[in-house]
């Protein structure tokens, strides 16, 4: 959700140990070949991506997401396709450019905190709102969950396709995070200004209201740090640096091939003479 599916990719051939390929081939030879159950594009989607598609459909049909947030994923997708076609076309092999950022144990903890604060707790808050009949809590948190579901789905699909270059992949979480920060600000305003706890209210109701308030504030803090402390200063520059380095290598190799062709043709003519 914070660019993690694009940042931590599978091992490339350069990262594997010498014996890994032999063990992998032996394992493949022992295991029977599995046939894909779902064909076409849907076959490449994992189970969690199908669940996200279901979330997106439910949120879209519920009428709880504003029109501007419903349109934004389509705009972000079209903009990424435009950039991939005209500004940052794909260069090199997709296997070499799959991984953008390698993090350690602290980074994985950071990712786990973001998944909990940004996805699981808001989802529990929305489901609890449905159970309690708190329509205001559901309406306040749903736009954030809708955009986050669209972001995760887009990140996973884009990272699995070789037609999208590294800058385009890095811009996906950036575009969604910027929009979601504005949505979270609206969420904070709704939950902090809507309920008046100065009156005598049951302790259970007060705890529910404070849970929504703290959750909204935690999302604003986390994703602000994610945007200004990770995506902009670290994630995006590395994507552009690796992309331009790969592009320069491809251009240099192409120039060498063009320079070698006349020499080889001239040598062939000299041998014939």
Protein backbone atom coordinates (compact mmCIF):
# COMPACT_ATOMS: atom_id res chain seq x y z
CA UNK A 1 0.00 0.00 0.00
CA UNK A 2 2.96 2.29 0.55
CA UNK A 3 4.77 1.10 -2.50
CA UNK A 4 5.71 -2.09 -0.70
CA UNK A 5 4.50 -4.47 -3.39
CA UNK A 6 6.69 -2.54 -5.81
CA UNK A 7 9.57 -2.07 -3.39
CA UNK A 8 10.05 -5.64 -2.19
CA UNK A 9 9.92 -7.86 -5.24
CA UNK A 10 10.91 -11.46 -5.79
CA UNK A 11 14.55 -12.46 -6.03
CA UNK A 12 16.18 -11.83 -9.35
CA UNK A 13 18.66 -14.24 -10.91
CA UNK A 14 21.55 -12.09 -9.65
CA UNK A 15 20.36 -12.35 -6.03
CA UNK A 16 20.05 -16.14 -5.96
CA UNK A 17 22.82 -18.33 -4.64
CA UNK A 18 24.59 -20.67 -7.09
CA UNK A 19 22.87 -23.76 -5.70
CA UNK A 20 19.39 -22.20 -5.69
CA UNK A 21 18.77 -22.80 -9.39
CA UNK A 22 19.81 -26.46 -9.16
CA UNK A 23 17.57 -27.06 -6.16
CA UNK A 24 14.73 -25.20 -7.84
CA UNK A 25 15.02 -27.29 -11.02
CA UNK A 26 15.13 -30.50 -8.98
CA UNK A 27 12.04 -29.44 -7.07
CA UNK A 28 10.24 -28.60 -10.27
CA UNK A 29 11.09 -31.99 -11.76
CA UNK A 30 9.66 -33.79 -8.72
CA UNK A 31 6.47 -31.75 -8.52
CA UNK A 32 3.67 -32.35 -11.04
CA UNK A 33 2.82 -29.51 -13.34
CA UNK A 34 -0.19 -27.52 -12.21
CA UNK A 35 -2.66 -26.21 -14.73
CA UNK A 36 -4.06 -22.72 -14.20
CA UNK A 37 -7.63 -22.73 -13.04
CA UNK A 38 -8.50 -19.21 -14.15
CA UNK A 39 -7.28 -18.21 -17.58
CA UNK A 40 -6.25 -14.92 -19.08
CA UNK A 41 -5.61 -11.88 -16.96
CA UNK A 42 -7.56 -13.19 -13.99
CA UNK A 43 -5.18 -16.12 -13.76
CA UNK A 44 -2.36 -13.77 -12.80
CA UNK A 45 -4.28 -12.27 -9.88
CA UNK A 46 -3.70 -13.70 -6.45
CA UNK A 47 -6.48 -14.40 -3.98
CA UNK A 48 -5.98 -11.15 -2.11
CA UNK A 49 -6.29 -9.21 -5.35
CA UNK A 50 -9.62 -10.89 -6.05
CA UNK A 51 -10.73 -9.92 -2.56
CA UNK A 52 -9.71 -6.33 -3.26
CA UNK A 53 -11.75 -6.39 -6.46
CA UNK A 54 -14.73 -7.54 -4.38
CA UNK A 55 -14.13 -4.72 -1.88
CA UNK A 56 -13.96 -2.18 -4.70
CA UNK A 57 -17.21 -3.41 -6.22
CA UNK A 58 -19.00 -3.34 -2.84
CA UNK A 59 -17.70 0.15 -2.01
CA UNK A 60 -18.62 1.44 -5.46
CA UNK A 61 -22.15 0.08 -5.27
CA UNK A 62 -22.76 1.17 -1.67
CA UNK A 63 -23.01 4.87 -2.49
CA UNK A 64 -20.63 5.69 0.38
CA UNK A 65 -17.76 6.83 -1.86
CA UNK A 66 -17.91 10.34 -3.38
CA UNK A 67 -17.90 10.64 -7.14
CA UNK A 68 -14.46 12.27 -7.26
CA UNK A 69 -12.95 9.28 -5.44
CA UNK A 70 -14.75 6.86 -7.75
CA UNK A 71 -13.28 8.61 -10.79
CA UNK A 72 -9.77 9.04 -9.40
CA UNK A 73 -8.58 5.41 -9.94
CA UNK A 74 -9.58 5.65 -13.60
CA UNK A 75 -7.68 8.93 -13.93
CA UNK A 76 -4.59 7.49 -12.22
CA UNK A 77 -4.65 4.40 -14.46
CA UNK A 78 -4.99 6.42 -17.67
CA UNK A 79 -2.25 8.80 -16.55
CA UNK A 80 0.12 5.89 -15.83
CA UNK A 81 -0.61 4.41 -19.27
CA UNK A 82 0.08 7.81 -20.85
CA UNK A 83 3.41 8.11 -19.01
CA UNK A 84 4.36 4.57 -19.93
CA UNK A 85 3.61 5.23 -23.60
CA UNK A 86 5.05 8.70 -24.15
CA UNK A 87 7.33 9.73 -21.26
CA UNK A 88 8.88 6.63 -19.64
CA UNK A 89 8.67 3.62 -21.97
CA UNK A 90 9.86 0.31 -20.61
CA UNK A 91 13.53 -0.58 -21.19
CA UNK A 92 15.43 -3.73 -20.38
CA UNK A 93 13.94 -6.93 -19.05
CA UNK A 94 11.17 -6.92 -16.48
CA UNK A 95 13.03 -9.50 -14.34
CA UNK A 96 16.00 -7.18 -13.87
CA UNK A 97 13.83 -4.22 -12.94
CA UNK A 98 11.30 -5.97 -10.69
CA UNK A 99 12.81 -4.90 -7.37
CA UNK A 100 13.10 -1.20 -6.53
CA UNK A 101 13.92 -1.12 -2.83
CA UNK A 102 15.36 -3.74 -0.51
CA UNK A 103 14.57 -3.18 3.16
CA UNK A 104 15.68 -4.94 6.32
CA UNK A 105 13.81 -6.05 9.39
CA UNK A 106 12.92 -2.51 10.44
CA UNK A 107 11.40 -1.83 7.04
CA UNK A 108 9.27 -4.96 7.28
CA UNK A 109 8.00 -3.84 10.69
CA UNK A 110 7.18 -0.47 9.13
CA UNK A 111 5.22 -2.28 6.41
CA UNK A 112 3.34 -4.39 8.96
CA UNK A 113 2.37 -1.29 10.94
CA UNK A 114 1.11 0.36 7.77
CA UNK A 115 -0.98 -2.69 6.86
CA UNK A 116 -2.51 -2.78 10.32
CA UNK A 117 -3.19 0.95 10.66
CA UNK A 118 -4.16 1.59 7.05
CA UNK A 119 -6.11 -1.53 6.09
CA UNK A 120 -7.08 -3.97 8.83
CA UNK A 121 -8.15 -1.54 11.57
CA UNK A 122 -10.16 0.72 9.20
CA UNK A 123 -11.85 -2.38 7.79
CA UNK A 124 -12.72 -3.48 11.33
CA UNK A 125 -13.98 0.05 12.03
CA UNK A 126 -16.27 -0.05 8.99
CA UNK A 127 -17.59 -3.52 9.85
CA UNK A 128 -18.13 -2.41 13.45
CA UNK A 129 -19.98 0.63 12.18
CA UNK A 130 -22.31 -1.60 10.19
CA UNK A 131 -22.91 -3.77 13.27
CA UNK A 132 -23.58 -0.76 15.51
CA UNK A 133 -25.68 1.03 12.94
CA UNK A 134 -23.23 3.95 12.94
CA UNK A 135 -23.67 5.17 9.38
CA UNK A 136 -21.50 8.23 10.00
CA UNK A 137 -18.45 6.14 10.97
CA UNK A 138 -18.92 3.92 7.93
CA UNK A 139 -19.27 6.87 5.55
CA UNK A 140 -16.21 8.61 7.00
CA UNK A 141 -13.78 5.67 6.66
CA UNK A 142 -15.06 4.07 3.44
CA UNK A 143 -13.42 6.48 0.91
CA UNK A 144 -10.00 5.78 2.43
CA UNK A 145 -10.54 2.02 2.23
CA UNK A 146 -11.80 2.28 -1.35
CA UNK A 147 -8.76 4.22 -2.57
CA UNK A 148 -6.38 1.98 -0.62
CA UNK A 149 -7.93 -1.13 -2.17
CA UNK A 150 -7.57 0.40 -5.64
CA UNK A 151 -3.96 1.34 -4.88
CA UNK A 152 -2.94 -2.14 -3.70
CA UNK A 153 -4.64 -3.77 -6.69
CA UNK A 154 -2.99 -1.35 -9.13
CA UNK A 155 0.44 -1.82 -7.52
CA UNK A 156 0.21 -5.61 -7.78
CA UNK A 157 -0.99 -5.57 -11.38
CA UNK A 158 1.56 -2.96 -12.50
CA UNK A 159 4.45 -4.76 -10.78
CA UNK A 160 3.50 -7.98 -12.58
CA UNK A 161 3.47 -6.48 -16.07
CA UNK A 162 6.68 -5.75 -17.93
CA UNK A 163 5.16 -3.00 -20.04
CA UNK A 164 5.37 -0.47 -17.19
CA UNK A 165 8.73 1.14 -16.48
CA UNK A 166 10.21 1.78 -13.04
CA UNK A 167 9.19 5.49 -12.80
CA UNK A 168 5.59 4.63 -13.67
CA UNK A 169 5.53 1.87 -11.04
CA UNK A 170 6.94 4.25 -8.43
CA UNK A 171 4.39 6.93 -9.28
CA UNK A 172 1.41 4.65 -8.58
CA UNK A 173 1.69 4.72 -4.74
CA UNK A 174 2.67 8.40 -4.91
CA UNK A 175 -0.48 9.39 -6.82
CA UNK A 176 -2.77 7.42 -4.54
CA UNK A 177 -1.09 8.49 -1.28
CA UNK A 178 -1.39 12.19 -2.14
CA UNK A 179 -5.11 11.80 -2.81
CA UNK A 180 -5.70 9.67 0.28
CA UNK A 181 -4.09 12.24 2.57
CA UNK A 182 -6.80 14.72 1.56
CA UNK A 183 -9.42 12.02 2.13
CA UNK A 184 -7.97 11.23 5.57
CA UNK A 185 -8.07 14.93 6.48
CA UNK A 186 -11.80 14.91 5.71
CA UNK A 187 -12.11 11.72 7.77
CA UNK A 188 -10.42 13.41 10.75
CA UNK A 189 -12.71 16.45 10.47
CA UNK A 190 -15.80 14.22 10.41
CA UNK A 191 -14.92 12.09 13.45
CA UNK A 192 -13.54 14.92 15.58
CA UNK A 193 -16.28 17.46 14.85
CA UNK A 194 -19.29 15.16 14.64
CA UNK A 195 -19.46 13.64 18.12
CA UNK A 196 -19.71 15.80 21.24
CA UNK A 197 -18.33 13.87 24.22
CA UNK A 198 -18.87 16.69 26.70
CA UNK A 199 -22.27 15.22 27.52
CA UNK A 200 -22.74 12.12 29.61
CA UNK A 201 -22.51 9.20 27.19
CA UNK A 202 -22.05 5.50 27.89
CA UNK A 203 -18.46 4.40 28.26
CA UNK A 204 -18.80 1.95 25.38
CA UNK A 205 -20.00 4.66 23.00
CA UNK A 206 -17.24 7.01 24.09
CA UNK A 207 -14.61 4.29 23.52
CA UNK A 208 -16.02 3.67 20.03
CA UNK A 209 -15.84 7.37 19.16
CA UNK A 210 -12.29 7.67 20.43
CA UNK A 211 -11.28 4.56 18.50
CA UNK A 212 -12.41 6.23 15.28
CA UNK A 213 -10.66 9.49 16.17
CA UNK A 214 -7.33 7.87 17.06
CA UNK A 215 -7.50 5.63 13.99
CA UNK A 216 -8.03 8.56 11.63
CA UNK A 217 -5.20 10.55 13.24
CA UNK A 218 -2.87 7.51 13.10
CA UNK A 219 -3.55 7.11 9.38
CA UNK A 220 -2.73 10.75 8.74
CA UNK A 221 0.55 10.50 10.68
CA UNK A 222 1.64 7.23 9.07
CA UNK A 223 0.88 8.11 5.45
CA UNK A 224 2.30 11.61 5.81
CA UNK A 225 5.56 10.04 7.00
CA UNK A 226 5.28 7.50 4.21
CA UNK A 227 4.87 10.23 1.57
CA UNK A 228 7.41 12.79 2.78
CA UNK A 229 9.89 10.39 4.41
CA UNK A 230 9.92 7.38 2.08
CA UNK A 231 8.17 7.75 -1.27
CA UNK A 232 9.49 11.18 -2.30
CA UNK A 233 13.06 11.21 -0.87
CA UNK A 234 13.93 7.49 -1.26
CA UNK A 235 11.56 5.42 -3.39
CA UNK A 236 11.04 7.75 -6.35
CA UNK A 237 14.71 8.81 -6.81
CA UNK A 238 15.88 5.19 -6.81
CA UNK A 239 13.32 4.30 -9.45
CA UNK A 240 14.41 7.15 -11.73
CA UNK A 241 18.12 6.45 -11.11
CA UNK A 242 17.81 2.77 -11.99
CA UNK A 243 15.58 3.52 -15.00
CA UNK A 244 17.97 6.05 -16.56
CA UNK A 245 20.95 3.78 -15.88
CA UNK A 246 19.22 0.91 -17.64
CA UNK A 247 18.20 3.16 -20.52
CA UNK A 248 21.77 4.43 -20.96
CA UNK A 249 23.06 0.85 -21.01
CA UNK A 250 20.50 -0.14 -23.65
CA UNK A 251 21.34 2.89 -25.80
CA UNK A 252 25.09 2.25 -25.47
CA UNK A 253 24.66 -1.39 -26.45
CA UNK A 254 22.52 -0.39 -29.44
CA UNK A 255 25.16 2.11 -30.57
CA UNK A 256 27.88 -0.57 -30.28
CA UNK A 257 25.83 -2.99 -32.35
CA UNK A 258 25.29 -0.39 -35.06
CA UNK A 259 29.01 0.42 -35.08
CA UNK A 260 29.97 -3.26 -35.27
CA UNK A 261 27.70 -4.06 -38.23
CA UNK A 262 29.58 -1.96 -40.85
CA UNK A 263 32.90 -3.39 -39.70
CA UNK A 264 31.66 -6.98 -39.95
CA UNK A 265 30.15 -6.36 -43.38
CA UNK A 266 33.40 -4.73 -44.56
CA UNK A 267 35.43 -7.68 -43.26
CA UNK A 268 33.17 -10.07 -45.14
CA UNK A 269 33.65 -8.19 -48.40
CA UNK A 270 37.43 -8.17 -47.91
CA UNK A 271 37.46 -11.97 -47.42
CA UNK A 272 35.50 -12.46 -50.63
CA UNK A 273 38.01 -10.32 -52.56
